[in-house]
Amino acid sequence: MKPEELKEALKGICAISVTPMTEGREVSYEGMRNHIRFLKSKGITKENNCTLVVGGSTGECGALTIEERKKLIETAVDEAGDELPIIAGCNHSNIVDVKDLMKHAQSAGAAGVMVLSPYYYVPTDEAVLRFYREISECADIGILLYNNIEVTHKDVPVEVLEQLVDSSNVVGIKECTPNFVKMEKVVRKIGNKIAVINGHGEFLEPFAALAGTVGFISSTSNFAPEIAVEMWKKRSAGKYEEAKKVRDRLTPYLDLAGAESATGGEPVVLAILKRAATLVGSDCGPGRIPLPDIDDALDAKIRNMLKEVGLI
């Protein structure tokens, strides 16, 4: 897929996949195949304006080896076929490994790559520019910029983004800014050049549509893909009140994730997503450290949430 084609493909649902694992916490490549089949059977397909990120933050990229990540992408691309474009998560604190992952993603047939701006040390604006310009030269593949302040501790300024879109193959941004006003400004300033998608997913839908975003990420697709698809169809038709009613079906999950992350951070949310997916029929197993084990009390909360949503 050419960069401009990825830009168009991002106008929809950007589903964010977990990484299935065995009980021994080895990556389950057959589990990845099964999960993709599950997602496709529930409507996460190119026909419904969907893409799928594999090996991103939700996919525990920080806990996987480079070789595991490469094999995961190869497996996903092979299983998805022409029905679902795969975006390879290429986040890393080492630019050499980022380039290596990007080149591999392109050779493996991925539709694009998602790359977090520099992290570990908080980068300057100039470092962010250098980083994206340098990696854009290593592979002829579309880049989905990932602005996640929780990981990088830096909200990439609009002024930096404006310089990037004219000098690299960045064709989209997963905008996770905590500042909704800034999200609207990003759309207003560069939305005519790249695809700006709501990086907070269902938490900000369909409100983010009114800010001008052309799509949204969906981590809830791991256990409720049909709800995300239904919401997109209402959103894309401009039926925002109906879209919110669909989104409100997920309120039990949104409340649970919000409450648990207040003390357990993002790792517990990822653990919840994996357990919820398993309970609805796609075995994703446990997660690696720093994801916590699901104890009986949390398991009961997850089961109750799924019952309230109407999935079990």
Protein backbone atom coordinates (compact mmCIF):
# COMPACT_ATOMS: atom_id res chain seq x y z
CA MET A 1 0.00 0.00 0.00
CA LYS A 2 1.38 3.39 -0.99
CA PRO A 3 1.53 6.18 1.59
CA GLU A 4 -1.39 8.06 0.03
CA GLU A 5 -3.46 4.88 0.09
CA LEU A 6 -2.73 4.47 3.79
CA LYS A 7 -3.92 8.02 4.35
CA GLU A 8 -7.30 7.07 2.86
CA ALA A 9 -7.42 3.75 4.71
CA LEU A 10 -7.07 5.57 8.03
CA LYS A 11 -10.43 7.25 7.52
CA GLY A 12 -12.33 4.79 9.65
CA ILE A 13 -11.61 2.42 12.51
CA CYS A 14 -7.97 1.84 13.40
CA ALA A 15 -8.36 -1.27 15.54
CA ILE A 16 -5.49 -1.83 17.98
CA SER A 17 -4.72 -5.50 18.62
CA VAL A 18 -3.45 -7.18 21.74
CA THR A 19 -0.78 -9.85 21.34
CA PRO A 20 -2.07 -13.34 22.19
CA MET A 21 0.20 -15.39 24.43
CA THR A 22 0.33 -18.89 25.83
CA GLU A 23 -0.07 -19.57 29.55
CA GLY A 24 3.73 -19.67 29.67
CA ARG A 25 3.75 -16.13 28.24
CA GLU A 26 5.25 -17.05 24.91
CA VAL A 27 3.87 -15.21 21.89
CA SER A 28 1.12 -17.34 20.34
CA TYR A 29 1.32 -16.85 16.60
CA GLU A 30 -1.57 -19.26 16.07
CA GLY A 31 -3.44 -17.20 18.66
CA MET A 32 -2.74 -14.12 16.55
CA ARG A 33 -4.21 -15.87 13.53
CA ASN A 34 -7.27 -16.88 15.52
CA HIS A 35 -7.72 -13.36 16.87
CA ILE A 36 -7.60 -11.86 13.38
CA ARG A 37 -10.17 -14.40 12.22
CA PHE A 38 -12.35 -13.42 15.17
CA LEU A 39 -12.02 -9.71 14.34
CA LYS A 40 -12.80 -10.22 10.67
CA SER A 41 -15.82 -12.38 11.47
CA LYS A 42 -17.20 -9.50 13.56
CA GLY A 43 -16.72 -6.85 10.88
CA ILE A 44 -13.17 -5.55 11.29
CA THR A 45 -12.45 -5.55 7.57
CA LYS A 46 -11.33 -3.20 4.82
CA GLU A 47 -14.91 -3.25 3.54
CA ASN A 48 -15.98 -1.56 6.78
CA ASN A 49 -13.19 1.02 6.62
CA CYS A 50 -10.96 -0.75 9.14
CA THR A 51 -7.22 -1.14 9.58
CA LEU A 52 -5.48 -3.16 12.29
CA VAL A 53 -2.37 -2.17 14.27
CA VAL A 54 -0.31 -5.16 15.35
CA GLY A 55 2.66 -4.92 17.70
CA GLY A 56 1.82 -1.50 19.09
CA SER A 57 1.59 -0.37 22.71
CA THR A 58 -1.60 -2.35 23.27
CA GLY A 59 0.25 -5.26 21.69
CA GLU A 60 2.91 -5.06 24.43
CA CYS A 61 5.63 -3.99 22.01
CA GLY A 62 7.88 -2.95 24.89
CA ALA A 63 7.82 -6.50 26.26
CA LEU A 64 8.55 -8.28 22.95
CA THR A 65 11.86 -9.05 21.29
CA ILE A 66 12.60 -7.67 17.83
CA GLU A 67 12.36 -11.15 16.34
CA GLU A 68 9.00 -11.77 18.02
CA ARG A 69 7.70 -8.49 16.65
CA LYS A 70 8.85 -9.31 13.13
CA LYS A 71 7.28 -12.76 13.17
CA LEU A 72 4.08 -11.28 14.60
CA ILE A 73 3.80 -8.88 11.66
CA GLU A 74 4.53 -11.62 9.14
CA THR A 75 1.83 -13.78 10.72
CA ALA A 76 -0.72 -10.97 10.80
CA VAL A 77 -0.14 -9.92 7.20
CA ASP A 78 -0.40 -13.52 6.04
CA GLU A 79 -3.62 -14.14 7.96
CA ALA A 80 -5.30 -10.83 7.13
CA GLY A 81 -4.70 -11.18 3.41
CA ASP A 82 -6.51 -8.61 1.27
CA GLU A 83 -9.41 -8.31 3.73
CA LEU A 84 -7.71 -6.18 6.36
CA PRO A 85 -4.74 -3.77 6.06
CA ILE A 86 -2.13 -4.39 8.75
CA ILE A 87 -0.23 -1.47 10.28
CA ALA A 88 2.98 -2.56 11.98
CA GLY A 89 3.83 -1.06 15.34
CA CYS A 90 7.46 0.05 15.09
CA ASN A 91 7.92 1.85 18.40
CA HIS A 92 11.35 1.69 20.00
CA SER A 93 13.69 3.95 21.95
CA ASN A 94 16.49 2.98 19.54
CA ILE A 95 16.20 4.59 16.10
CA VAL A 96 18.28 1.79 14.56
CA ASP A 97 15.68 -0.77 15.63
CA VAL A 98 12.87 1.51 14.45
CA LYS A 99 14.40 1.59 10.99
CA ASP A 100 14.94 -2.16 11.03
CA LEU A 101 11.32 -2.79 12.01
CA MET A 102 10.06 -0.39 9.34
CA LYS A 103 12.10 -2.03 6.59
CA HIS A 104 10.88 -5.43 7.70
CA ALA A 105 7.26 -4.26 7.80
CA GLN A 106 7.50 -3.03 4.24
CA SER A 107 9.11 -6.26 3.01
CA ALA A 108 6.48 -8.29 4.89
CA GLY A 109 3.68 -6.50 3.08
CA ALA A 110 2.31 -4.28 5.84
CA ALA A 111 0.05 -1.44 4.72
CA GLY A 112 1.94 1.05 6.86
CA VAL A 113 3.77 1.59 10.12
CA MET A 114 2.90 3.33 13.37
CA VAL A 115 5.84 5.01 15.08
CA LEU A 116 5.94 6.73 18.46
CA SER A 117 8.06 9.86 18.65
CA PRO A 118 11.36 9.53 20.57
CA TYR A 119 11.08 8.45 24.17
CA TYR A 120 13.11 7.42 27.25
CA TYR A 121 14.55 10.93 27.48
CA VAL A 122 12.05 13.70 26.71
CA PRO A 123 13.01 14.95 23.22
CA THR A 124 13.24 18.52 22.03
CA ASP A 125 11.11 19.68 19.11
CA GLU A 126 14.21 19.56 16.93
CA ALA A 127 14.89 15.95 17.95
CA VAL A 128 11.35 14.93 17.03
CA LEU A 129 11.76 16.52 13.60
CA ARG A 130 15.12 14.85 13.02
CA PHE A 131 13.74 11.50 14.14
CA TYR A 132 10.78 11.41 11.77
CA ARG A 133 12.69 12.86 8.85
CA GLU A 134 15.43 10.28 9.28
CA ILE A 135 13.17 7.25 9.59
CA SER A 136 11.04 8.40 6.65
CA GLU A 137 14.09 8.00 4.43
CA CYS A 138 14.70 4.37 5.37
CA ALA A 139 11.56 2.85 3.85
CA ASP A 140 9.01 3.85 1.24
CA ILE A 141 6.01 3.18 3.45
CA GLY A 142 3.34 5.39 4.98
CA ILE A 143 3.89 6.43 8.59
CA LEU A 144 1.18 6.87 11.20
CA LEU A 145 2.70 9.22 13.76
CA TYR A 146 1.83 8.23 17.33
CA ASN A 147 1.56 11.15 19.73
CA ASN A 148 1.27 9.52 23.17
CA ILE A 149 2.25 11.83 26.01
CA GLU A 150 1.82 9.01 28.57
CA VAL A 151 4.87 7.26 27.09
CA THR A 152 6.95 10.14 25.73
CA HIS A 153 5.99 12.80 28.30
CA LYS A 154 5.81 15.23 25.39
CA ASP A 155 2.76 16.47 23.52
CA VAL A 156 4.18 17.09 20.04
CA PRO A 157 3.32 20.71 19.16
CA VAL A 158 1.22 21.60 16.15
CA GLU A 159 4.11 23.67 14.82
CA VAL A 160 6.33 20.56 14.69
CA LEU A 161 3.61 18.54 12.98
CA GLU A 162 3.21 21.24 10.35
CA GLN A 163 6.87 20.89 9.41
CA LEU A 164 6.67 17.09 9.29
CA VAL A 165 3.75 16.74 6.92
CA ASP A 166 5.54 18.62 4.16
CA SER A 167 8.87 16.85 4.42
CA SER A 168 8.25 13.19 5.17
CA ASN A 169 5.94 10.28 4.43
CA VAL A 170 3.93 10.84 7.60
CA VAL A 171 0.36 10.47 6.31
CA GLY A 172 -1.57 10.26 9.57
CA ILE A 173 -1.44 10.86 13.28
CA LYS A 174 -2.88 8.88 16.14
CA GLU A 175 -3.51 11.94 18.27
CA CYS A 176 -3.55 11.09 21.97
CA THR A 177 -3.16 14.62 23.25
CA PRO A 178 -4.88 15.14 26.62
CA ASN A 179 -5.90 18.58 25.33
CA PHE A 180 -9.09 18.36 23.26
CA VAL A 181 -8.62 21.93 22.05
CA LYS A 182 -5.20 20.95 20.72
CA MET A 183 -6.73 17.97 18.89
CA GLU A 184 -9.14 20.31 17.11
CA LYS A 185 -6.27 22.65 16.28
CA VAL A 186 -4.27 19.79 14.75
CA VAL A 187 -7.23 18.98 12.50
CA ARG A 188 -7.66 22.63 11.58
CA LYS A 189 -3.98 23.17 10.79
CA ILE A 190 -2.98 19.94 9.01
CA GLY A 191 -6.14 17.87 8.60
CA ASN A 192 -6.15 18.70 4.89
CA LYS A 193 -2.73 17.09 4.53
CA ILE A 194 -2.79 14.02 6.77
CA ALA A 195 -5.42 11.81 8.40
CA VAL A 196 -5.95 12.93 11.99
CA ILE A 197 -7.53 10.15 14.04
CA ASN A 198 -8.80 10.20 17.61
CA GLY A 199 -6.22 8.30 19.64
CA HIS A 200 -8.46 8.02 22.70
CA GLY A 201 -10.95 5.86 20.86
CA GLU A 202 -14.37 5.23 22.33
CA PHE A 203 -13.65 7.48 25.30
CA LEU A 204 -13.95 10.54 23.03
CA GLU A 205 -16.48 9.31 20.49
CA PRO A 206 -18.38 10.70 18.72
CA PHE A 207 -17.23 14.04 20.16
CA ALA A 208 -13.92 13.76 18.31
CA ALA A 209 -15.85 13.59 15.04
CA LEU A 210 -17.14 17.10 15.71
CA ALA A 211 -13.53 18.22 16.16
CA GLY A 212 -12.90 17.03 12.60
CA THR A 213 -11.03 13.77 13.12
CA VAL A 214 -11.55 11.35 10.24
CA GLY A 215 -11.45 8.18 12.32
CA PHE A 216 -10.75 6.68 15.72
CA ILE A 217 -8.62 3.99 17.26
CA SER A 218 -10.46 1.12 18.89
CA SER A 219 -8.93 -1.07 21.55
CA THR A 220 -12.40 -2.31 22.53
CA SER A 221 -12.45 -4.05 19.15
CA ASN A 222 -10.47 -6.79 20.88
CA PHE A 223 -13.67 -7.93 22.60
CA ALA A 224 -16.50 -5.85 21.07
CA PRO A 225 -15.60 -5.32 17.40
CA GLU A 226 -19.21 -5.31 16.25
CA ILE A 227 -19.97 -2.31 18.47
CA ALA A 228 -17.06 -0.33 17.03
CA VAL A 229 -18.23 -1.09 13.49
CA GLU A 230 -21.79 -0.05 14.26
CA MET A 231 -20.56 3.17 15.85
CA TRP A 232 -18.39 3.97 12.83
CA LYS A 233 -21.30 3.52 10.47
CA LYS A 234 -23.39 6.01 12.47
CA ARG A 235 -20.46 8.40 12.89
CA SER A 236 -19.47 8.39 9.24
CA ALA A 237 -23.08 9.10 8.25
CA GLY A 238 -23.13 12.15 10.52
CA LYS A 239 -25.65 10.56 12.86
CA TYR A 240 -23.79 11.62 15.98
CA GLU A 241 -26.59 11.17 18.49
CA GLU A 242 -27.12 7.61 17.27
CA ALA A 243 -23.36 7.02 17.34
CA LYS A 244 -23.25 8.12 20.97
CA LYS A 245 -26.05 5.72 21.84
CA VAL A 246 -23.98 2.92 20.34
CA ARG A 247 -20.89 4.12 22.19
CA ASP A 248 -22.83 4.29 25.45
CA ARG A 249 -23.28 0.52 25.31
CA LEU A 250 -19.58 0.39 26.18
CA THR A 251 -19.98 2.58 29.27
CA PRO A 252 -19.51 -0.40 31.65
CA TYR A 253 -16.10 -1.04 30.08
CA LEU A 254 -15.13 2.63 29.97
CA ASP A 255 -16.01 2.97 33.65
CA LEU A 256 -14.10 -0.20 34.58
CA ALA A 257 -11.01 0.81 32.60
CA GLY A 258 -11.07 4.29 34.10
CA ALA A 259 -11.42 3.02 37.66
CA GLU A 260 -8.73 0.33 37.39
CA SER A 261 -6.22 2.51 35.54
CA ALA A 262 -6.45 5.08 38.33
CA THR A 263 -4.38 2.71 40.50
CA GLY A 264 -2.92 0.19 38.03
CA GLY A 265 -2.12 2.45 35.09
CA GLU A 266 -2.28 1.40 31.45
CA PRO A 267 -0.90 -2.14 32.07
CA VAL A 268 -4.05 -3.19 33.93
CA VAL A 269 -6.20 -1.89 31.05
CA LEU A 270 -4.27 -4.07 28.61
CA ALA A 271 -4.73 -7.06 30.92
CA ILE A 272 -8.48 -6.35 31.02
CA LEU A 273 -8.63 -6.20 27.21
CA LYS A 274 -6.89 -9.59 26.89
CA ARG A 275 -9.12 -11.23 29.47
CA ALA A 276 -12.28 -9.75 27.96
CA ALA A 277 -11.28 -11.00 24.51
CA THR A 278 -10.69 -14.48 25.92
CA LEU A 279 -14.08 -14.52 27.65
CA VAL A 280 -15.96 -13.61 24.46
CA GLY A 281 -14.27 -16.32 22.41
CA SER A 282 -10.79 -15.25 21.27
CA ASP A 283 -8.19 -16.69 23.64
CA CYS A 284 -5.48 -14.06 24.08
CA GLY A 285 -3.89 -15.48 27.21
CA PRO A 286 -2.06 -13.50 29.90
CA GLY A 287 0.42 -10.68 29.42
CA ARG A 288 4.06 -10.14 30.22
CA ILE A 289 5.37 -7.82 32.92
CA PRO A 290 4.35 -5.03 33.54
CA LEU A 291 0.84 -6.38 32.90
CA PRO A 292 -0.64 -7.74 36.12
CA ASP A 293 -2.20 -11.15 36.54
CA ILE A 294 -5.99 -11.11 36.67
CA ASP A 295 -7.08 -12.06 40.19
CA ASP A 296 -10.52 -13.43 41.06
CA ALA A 297 -11.87 -10.05 42.07
CA LEU A 298 -10.92 -8.33 38.82
CA ASP A 299 -12.04 -11.34 36.80
CA ALA A 300 -15.48 -11.04 38.38
CA LYS A 301 -15.59 -7.35 37.43
CA ILE A 302 -14.66 -8.15 33.84
CA ARG A 303 -17.31 -10.85 33.58
CA ASN A 304 -19.91 -8.51 35.03
CA MET A 305 -18.89 -5.78 32.59
CA LEU A 306 -19.28 -8.12 29.63
CA LYS A 307 -22.72 -9.15 30.85
CA GLU A 308 -23.77 -5.50 31.15
CA VAL A 309 -22.52 -4.81 27.62
CA GLY A 310 -24.42 -7.88 26.44
CA LEU A 311 -21.49 -9.90 25.14
CA ILE A 312 -21.77 -12.95 27.40
